N, C-alpha and C. Protein backbone atom coordinates (compact mmCIF):
# COMPACT_ATOMS: atom_id res chain seq x y z
N MET A 1 0.84 -1.19 0.00
CA MET A 1 0.00 0.00 0.00
C MET A 1 0.88 1.25 0.00
N LYS A 2 0.41 2.29 -0.65
CA LYS A 2 1.17 3.53 -0.77
C LYS A 2 0.28 4.70 -0.37
N LEU A 3 0.83 5.63 0.41
CA LEU A 3 0.12 6.83 0.84
C LEU A 3 0.87 8.06 0.36
N VAL A 4 0.13 9.00 -0.25
CA VAL A 4 0.72 10.26 -0.68
C VAL A 4 -0.15 11.37 -0.10
N THR A 5 0.49 12.31 0.62
CA THR A 5 -0.23 13.40 1.26
C THR A 5 0.10 14.71 0.56
N ARG A 6 -0.94 15.50 0.31
CA ARG A 6 -0.73 16.83 -0.28
C ARG A 6 -1.67 17.82 0.42
N LEU A 7 -1.22 19.05 0.53
CA LEU A 7 -1.99 20.10 1.20
C LEU A 7 -2.69 20.95 0.16
N ILE A 8 -4.03 21.06 0.28
CA ILE A 8 -4.82 21.91 -0.61
C ILE A 8 -5.73 22.78 0.26
N ASP A 9 -5.51 24.09 0.24
CA ASP A 9 -6.36 25.02 0.99
C ASP A 9 -6.58 24.59 2.44
N CYS A 10 -5.51 24.33 3.16
CA CYS A 10 -5.56 23.96 4.58
C CYS A 10 -6.17 22.58 4.84
N VAL A 11 -6.40 21.80 3.80
CA VAL A 11 -6.92 20.44 3.95
C VAL A 11 -5.84 19.47 3.49
N GLU A 12 -5.53 18.49 4.33
CA GLU A 12 -4.57 17.45 3.96
C GLU A 12 -5.32 16.37 3.19
N VAL A 13 -4.96 16.19 1.94
CA VAL A 13 -5.57 15.15 1.11
C VAL A 13 -4.61 13.96 1.10
N VAL A 14 -5.10 12.81 1.57
CA VAL A 14 -4.28 11.61 1.63
C VAL A 14 -4.76 10.66 0.55
N GLN A 15 -3.93 10.47 -0.47
CA GLN A 15 -4.22 9.54 -1.56
C GLN A 15 -3.75 8.16 -1.12
N ILE A 16 -4.68 7.21 -1.05
CA ILE A 16 -4.35 5.85 -0.63
C ILE A 16 -4.42 4.94 -1.84
N ASN A 17 -3.34 4.22 -2.10
CA ASN A 17 -3.28 3.27 -3.21
C ASN A 17 -3.04 1.87 -2.66
N GLY A 18 -3.90 0.93 -3.03
CA GLY A 18 -3.70 -0.45 -2.61
C GLY A 18 -4.81 -0.95 -1.71
N ARG A 19 -4.45 -1.88 -0.86
CA ARG A 19 -5.42 -2.54 0.01
C ARG A 19 -5.24 -2.06 1.45
N ILE A 20 -6.36 -1.78 2.11
CA ILE A 20 -6.31 -1.42 3.53
C ILE A 20 -6.73 -2.68 4.28
N GLU A 21 -5.73 -3.41 4.77
CA GLU A 21 -6.01 -4.69 5.41
C GLU A 21 -5.08 -4.89 6.61
N LEU A 22 -5.35 -5.97 7.33
CA LEU A 22 -4.58 -6.28 8.53
C LEU A 22 -3.09 -6.23 8.24
N GLY A 23 -2.36 -5.58 9.12
CA GLY A 23 -0.91 -5.47 8.94
C GLY A 23 -0.53 -4.06 8.56
N GLU A 24 0.37 -3.96 7.57
CA GLU A 24 0.92 -2.66 7.18
C GLU A 24 -0.14 -1.68 6.69
N GLY A 25 -1.11 -2.14 5.94
CA GLY A 25 -2.11 -1.25 5.37
C GLY A 25 -2.91 -0.50 6.41
N SER A 26 -3.49 -1.23 7.36
CA SER A 26 -4.31 -0.56 8.37
C SER A 26 -3.44 0.27 9.31
N ALA A 27 -2.23 -0.21 9.62
CA ALA A 27 -1.32 0.54 10.48
C ALA A 27 -0.88 1.84 9.81
N ALA A 28 -0.65 1.80 8.50
CA ALA A 28 -0.19 2.99 7.78
C ALA A 28 -1.25 4.09 7.81
N VAL A 29 -2.52 3.72 7.68
CA VAL A 29 -3.60 4.72 7.74
C VAL A 29 -3.63 5.37 9.11
N ARG A 30 -3.57 4.56 10.16
CA ARG A 30 -3.57 5.12 11.53
C ARG A 30 -2.37 6.03 11.75
N GLU A 31 -1.20 5.61 11.28
CA GLU A 31 0.03 6.40 11.48
C GLU A 31 -0.02 7.74 10.76
N VAL A 32 -0.48 7.74 9.51
CA VAL A 32 -0.51 9.01 8.76
C VAL A 32 -1.48 9.98 9.42
N VAL A 33 -2.61 9.50 9.90
CA VAL A 33 -3.58 10.38 10.57
C VAL A 33 -3.01 10.87 11.89
N ARG A 34 -2.36 10.00 12.64
CA ARG A 34 -1.75 10.40 13.91
C ARG A 34 -0.68 11.47 13.68
N ASP A 35 0.15 11.27 12.64
CA ASP A 35 1.20 12.26 12.32
C ASP A 35 0.60 13.60 11.92
N LEU A 36 -0.46 13.57 11.10
CA LEU A 36 -1.10 14.83 10.69
C LEU A 36 -1.67 15.57 11.89
N LEU A 37 -2.32 14.84 12.78
CA LEU A 37 -2.88 15.47 13.99
C LEU A 37 -1.77 16.04 14.87
N ALA A 38 -0.66 15.32 14.98
CA ALA A 38 0.47 15.78 15.79
C ALA A 38 1.05 17.08 15.24
N ASN A 39 0.91 17.28 13.93
CA ASN A 39 1.39 18.51 13.28
C ASN A 39 0.32 19.58 13.18
N GLY A 40 -0.79 19.38 13.89
CA GLY A 40 -1.84 20.40 13.92
C GLY A 40 -2.77 20.39 12.72
N ARG A 41 -2.68 19.37 11.89
CA ARG A 41 -3.55 19.25 10.71
C ARG A 41 -4.82 18.52 11.10
N LYS A 42 -5.93 19.25 11.15
CA LYS A 42 -7.18 18.67 11.62
C LYS A 42 -8.24 18.53 10.55
N LYS A 43 -7.93 18.95 9.33
CA LYS A 43 -8.85 18.78 8.20
C LYS A 43 -8.22 17.76 7.27
N ILE A 44 -8.80 16.56 7.25
CA ILE A 44 -8.20 15.46 6.51
C ILE A 44 -9.22 14.85 5.55
N LEU A 45 -8.81 14.68 4.31
CA LEU A 45 -9.64 14.07 3.28
C LEU A 45 -8.91 12.83 2.77
N LEU A 46 -9.54 11.67 2.94
CA LEU A 46 -8.95 10.43 2.45
C LEU A 46 -9.50 10.12 1.06
N ASN A 47 -8.61 10.09 0.07
CA ASN A 47 -8.98 9.77 -1.31
C ASN A 47 -8.82 8.26 -1.49
N LEU A 48 -9.96 7.56 -1.67
CA LEU A 48 -9.95 6.10 -1.76
C LEU A 48 -10.15 5.60 -3.19
N ALA A 49 -9.87 6.43 -4.18
CA ALA A 49 -10.10 6.06 -5.59
C ALA A 49 -9.32 4.81 -5.99
N ASP A 50 -8.14 4.62 -5.42
CA ASP A 50 -7.30 3.48 -5.81
C ASP A 50 -7.23 2.41 -4.73
N VAL A 51 -8.26 2.36 -3.88
CA VAL A 51 -8.35 1.30 -2.87
C VAL A 51 -9.33 0.26 -3.39
N ASP A 52 -8.82 -0.95 -3.65
CA ASP A 52 -9.68 -1.98 -4.22
C ASP A 52 -10.17 -2.98 -3.18
N TYR A 53 -9.66 -2.89 -1.95
CA TYR A 53 -10.06 -3.87 -0.94
C TYR A 53 -9.84 -3.29 0.46
N ILE A 54 -10.81 -3.51 1.33
CA ILE A 54 -10.68 -3.16 2.74
C ILE A 54 -11.21 -4.34 3.55
N ASP A 55 -10.41 -4.87 4.48
CA ASP A 55 -10.90 -5.94 5.34
C ASP A 55 -11.37 -5.35 6.67
N SER A 56 -11.73 -6.21 7.60
CA SER A 56 -12.27 -5.71 8.88
C SER A 56 -11.26 -4.87 9.64
N ALA A 57 -9.99 -5.23 9.57
CA ALA A 57 -8.95 -4.43 10.23
C ALA A 57 -8.84 -3.06 9.56
N GLY A 58 -8.97 -3.04 8.24
CA GLY A 58 -8.94 -1.78 7.51
C GLY A 58 -10.10 -0.88 7.88
N LEU A 59 -11.29 -1.49 8.00
CA LEU A 59 -12.47 -0.72 8.45
C LEU A 59 -12.22 -0.16 9.85
N GLY A 60 -11.64 -1.00 10.70
CA GLY A 60 -11.32 -0.55 12.06
C GLY A 60 -10.36 0.63 12.07
N SER A 61 -9.38 0.61 11.16
CA SER A 61 -8.42 1.71 11.11
C SER A 61 -9.08 3.00 10.60
N LEU A 62 -10.04 2.87 9.68
CA LEU A 62 -10.77 4.06 9.21
C LEU A 62 -11.62 4.65 10.34
N VAL A 63 -12.30 3.78 11.07
CA VAL A 63 -13.13 4.25 12.19
C VAL A 63 -12.25 4.85 13.27
N SER A 64 -11.12 4.21 13.56
CA SER A 64 -10.18 4.73 14.56
C SER A 64 -9.65 6.10 14.14
N ALA A 65 -9.31 6.25 12.87
CA ALA A 65 -8.81 7.54 12.36
C ALA A 65 -9.90 8.60 12.49
N PHE A 66 -11.12 8.24 12.12
CA PHE A 66 -12.25 9.17 12.22
C PHE A 66 -12.43 9.63 13.66
N THR A 67 -12.40 8.68 14.60
CA THR A 67 -12.59 8.99 16.02
C THR A 67 -11.46 9.88 16.54
N SER A 68 -10.23 9.56 16.17
CA SER A 68 -9.08 10.37 16.62
C SER A 68 -9.19 11.80 16.14
N VAL A 69 -9.54 11.97 14.87
CA VAL A 69 -9.66 13.31 14.30
C VAL A 69 -10.81 14.06 14.97
N ARG A 70 -11.93 13.41 15.15
CA ARG A 70 -13.09 14.04 15.78
C ARG A 70 -12.76 14.45 17.22
N ASN A 71 -12.08 13.57 17.96
CA ASN A 71 -11.71 13.88 19.35
C ASN A 71 -10.72 15.04 19.44
N ALA A 72 -9.96 15.25 18.36
CA ALA A 72 -9.00 16.36 18.32
C ALA A 72 -9.66 17.65 17.83
N GLY A 73 -10.96 17.59 17.58
CA GLY A 73 -11.68 18.78 17.11
C GLY A 73 -11.58 18.99 15.62
N GLY A 74 -11.23 17.96 14.89
CA GLY A 74 -11.08 18.09 13.45
C GLY A 74 -12.15 17.34 12.68
N GLU A 75 -11.91 17.24 11.38
CA GLU A 75 -12.85 16.56 10.48
C GLU A 75 -12.08 15.62 9.57
N LEU A 76 -12.63 14.43 9.38
CA LEU A 76 -12.09 13.48 8.43
C LEU A 76 -13.21 13.09 7.47
N LYS A 77 -12.94 13.21 6.18
CA LYS A 77 -13.96 12.90 5.17
C LYS A 77 -13.36 11.97 4.13
N LEU A 78 -14.23 11.30 3.38
CA LEU A 78 -13.81 10.36 2.35
C LEU A 78 -14.26 10.84 0.98
N VAL A 79 -13.44 10.56 -0.04
CA VAL A 79 -13.81 10.93 -1.40
C VAL A 79 -13.42 9.80 -2.36
N TYR A 80 -14.15 9.71 -3.45
CA TYR A 80 -13.87 8.76 -4.54
C TYR A 80 -13.85 7.30 -4.07
N LEU A 81 -14.93 6.86 -3.47
CA LEU A 81 -15.01 5.46 -3.07
C LEU A 81 -15.26 4.58 -4.30
N THR A 82 -14.56 3.46 -4.36
CA THR A 82 -14.84 2.48 -5.42
C THR A 82 -16.16 1.80 -5.09
N LYS A 83 -16.73 1.12 -6.05
CA LYS A 83 -18.01 0.43 -5.85
C LYS A 83 -17.89 -0.59 -4.71
N LYS A 84 -16.80 -1.35 -4.68
CA LYS A 84 -16.59 -2.35 -3.62
C LYS A 84 -16.58 -1.71 -2.24
N VAL A 85 -15.83 -0.62 -2.11
CA VAL A 85 -15.71 0.06 -0.82
C VAL A 85 -17.03 0.70 -0.43
N GLN A 86 -17.72 1.27 -1.39
CA GLN A 86 -19.02 1.88 -1.13
C GLN A 86 -20.01 0.82 -0.64
N ASP A 87 -20.04 -0.33 -1.29
CA ASP A 87 -20.93 -1.42 -0.88
C ASP A 87 -20.59 -1.90 0.53
N LEU A 88 -19.30 -2.00 0.83
CA LEU A 88 -18.86 -2.45 2.16
C LEU A 88 -19.32 -1.47 3.24
N LEU A 89 -19.17 -0.18 2.99
CA LEU A 89 -19.59 0.82 3.97
C LEU A 89 -21.11 0.81 4.15
N GLN A 90 -21.84 0.54 3.09
CA GLN A 90 -23.30 0.45 3.22
C GLN A 90 -23.70 -0.80 4.00
N MET A 91 -23.05 -1.92 3.71
CA MET A 91 -23.34 -3.16 4.41
C MET A 91 -23.10 -3.05 5.91
N THR A 92 -22.03 -2.39 6.27
CA THR A 92 -21.67 -2.25 7.69
C THR A 92 -22.31 -1.03 8.35
N ARG A 93 -23.08 -0.30 7.56
CA ARG A 93 -23.76 0.92 8.00
C ARG A 93 -22.80 2.03 8.43
N LEU A 94 -21.55 1.92 8.04
CA LEU A 94 -20.58 2.97 8.32
C LEU A 94 -20.76 4.14 7.36
N TYR A 95 -21.56 3.92 6.33
CA TYR A 95 -21.86 4.98 5.36
C TYR A 95 -22.47 6.19 6.07
N THR A 96 -23.20 5.94 7.15
CA THR A 96 -23.85 7.03 7.89
C THR A 96 -22.88 7.76 8.83
N VAL A 97 -21.73 7.16 9.11
CA VAL A 97 -20.75 7.75 10.03
C VAL A 97 -19.87 8.78 9.32
N PHE A 98 -19.42 8.42 8.13
CA PHE A 98 -18.47 9.27 7.39
C PHE A 98 -19.18 10.26 6.47
N ASP A 99 -18.55 11.43 6.29
CA ASP A 99 -18.95 12.35 5.22
C ASP A 99 -18.27 11.84 3.96
N ILE A 100 -19.07 11.46 2.96
CA ILE A 100 -18.53 10.85 1.75
C ILE A 100 -18.90 11.69 0.53
N TYR A 101 -17.91 11.90 -0.33
CA TYR A 101 -18.11 12.72 -1.52
C TYR A 101 -17.65 11.98 -2.77
N ASP A 102 -18.29 12.32 -3.91
CA ASP A 102 -17.91 11.75 -5.20
C ASP A 102 -16.96 12.66 -5.95
N ASP A 103 -16.76 13.87 -5.43
CA ASP A 103 -15.97 14.88 -6.12
C ASP A 103 -15.04 15.58 -5.13
N GLU A 104 -13.76 15.65 -5.47
CA GLU A 104 -12.78 16.24 -4.55
C GLU A 104 -13.04 17.72 -4.29
N THR A 105 -13.45 18.46 -5.31
CA THR A 105 -13.72 19.88 -5.15
C THR A 105 -14.86 20.10 -4.16
N ALA A 106 -15.93 19.33 -4.29
CA ALA A 106 -17.06 19.44 -3.36
C ALA A 106 -16.62 19.08 -1.95
N ALA A 107 -15.79 18.06 -1.83
CA ALA A 107 -15.29 17.66 -0.51
C ALA A 107 -14.45 18.77 0.12
N LEU A 108 -13.55 19.36 -0.67
CA LEU A 108 -12.71 20.45 -0.17
C LEU A 108 -13.56 21.65 0.24
N ASN A 109 -14.56 21.97 -0.56
CA ASN A 109 -15.45 23.09 -0.23
C ASN A 109 -16.25 22.84 1.04
N SER A 110 -16.56 21.60 1.32
CA SER A 110 -17.33 21.28 2.53
C SER A 110 -16.55 21.61 3.79
N PHE A 111 -15.23 21.52 3.74
CA PHE A 111 -14.42 21.90 4.89
C PHE A 111 -14.53 23.40 5.15
N ASP A 112 -14.51 24.20 4.10
CA ASP A 112 -14.61 25.65 4.25
C ASP A 112 -15.92 26.04 4.94
N LYS A 113 -17.02 25.41 4.51
CA LYS A 113 -18.31 25.72 5.10
C LYS A 113 -18.35 25.34 6.56
N SER A 114 -17.81 24.16 6.88
CA SER A 114 -17.86 23.72 8.28
C SER A 114 -16.93 24.57 9.15
N ALA A 115 -15.82 25.02 8.59
CA ALA A 115 -14.91 25.88 9.35
C ALA A 115 -15.56 27.23 9.61
N ALA A 116 -16.28 27.74 8.61
CA ALA A 116 -16.93 29.04 8.75
C ALA A 116 -18.06 28.97 9.78
N SER A 117 -18.75 27.84 9.83
CA SER A 117 -19.88 27.73 10.75
C SER A 117 -19.43 27.59 12.19
N THR A 118 -18.17 27.13 12.42
CA THR A 118 -17.70 26.97 13.79
C THR A 118 -16.93 28.20 14.25
N ALA A 119 -16.66 29.13 13.35
CA ALA A 119 -15.88 30.32 13.72
C ALA A 119 -16.75 31.37 14.40
């Protein structure tokens, strides 16, 4: 699995390529989110366009990342879910937990609105 992070308008966009599964994949997601929070980055967008598989450990790491960011007063959102990942989130009812977007621009704009409403 490969993670690439880029900063766009105060939002950290994390491009995830590969499988989020037990072992390195799920640990890498938790680590990148922990590092971003440690550096004061509380607006995080996970781009899952190139994620073709998530197992139960991977789901756990996404939920753990979401909880960590929320507890730190931040926001974590998902964009570009593949059909497999979308179906998995609907099956597990996690679809209702995450803010999910089909378009990166819309996702980035949603952070601006939420930041303005809390200011």
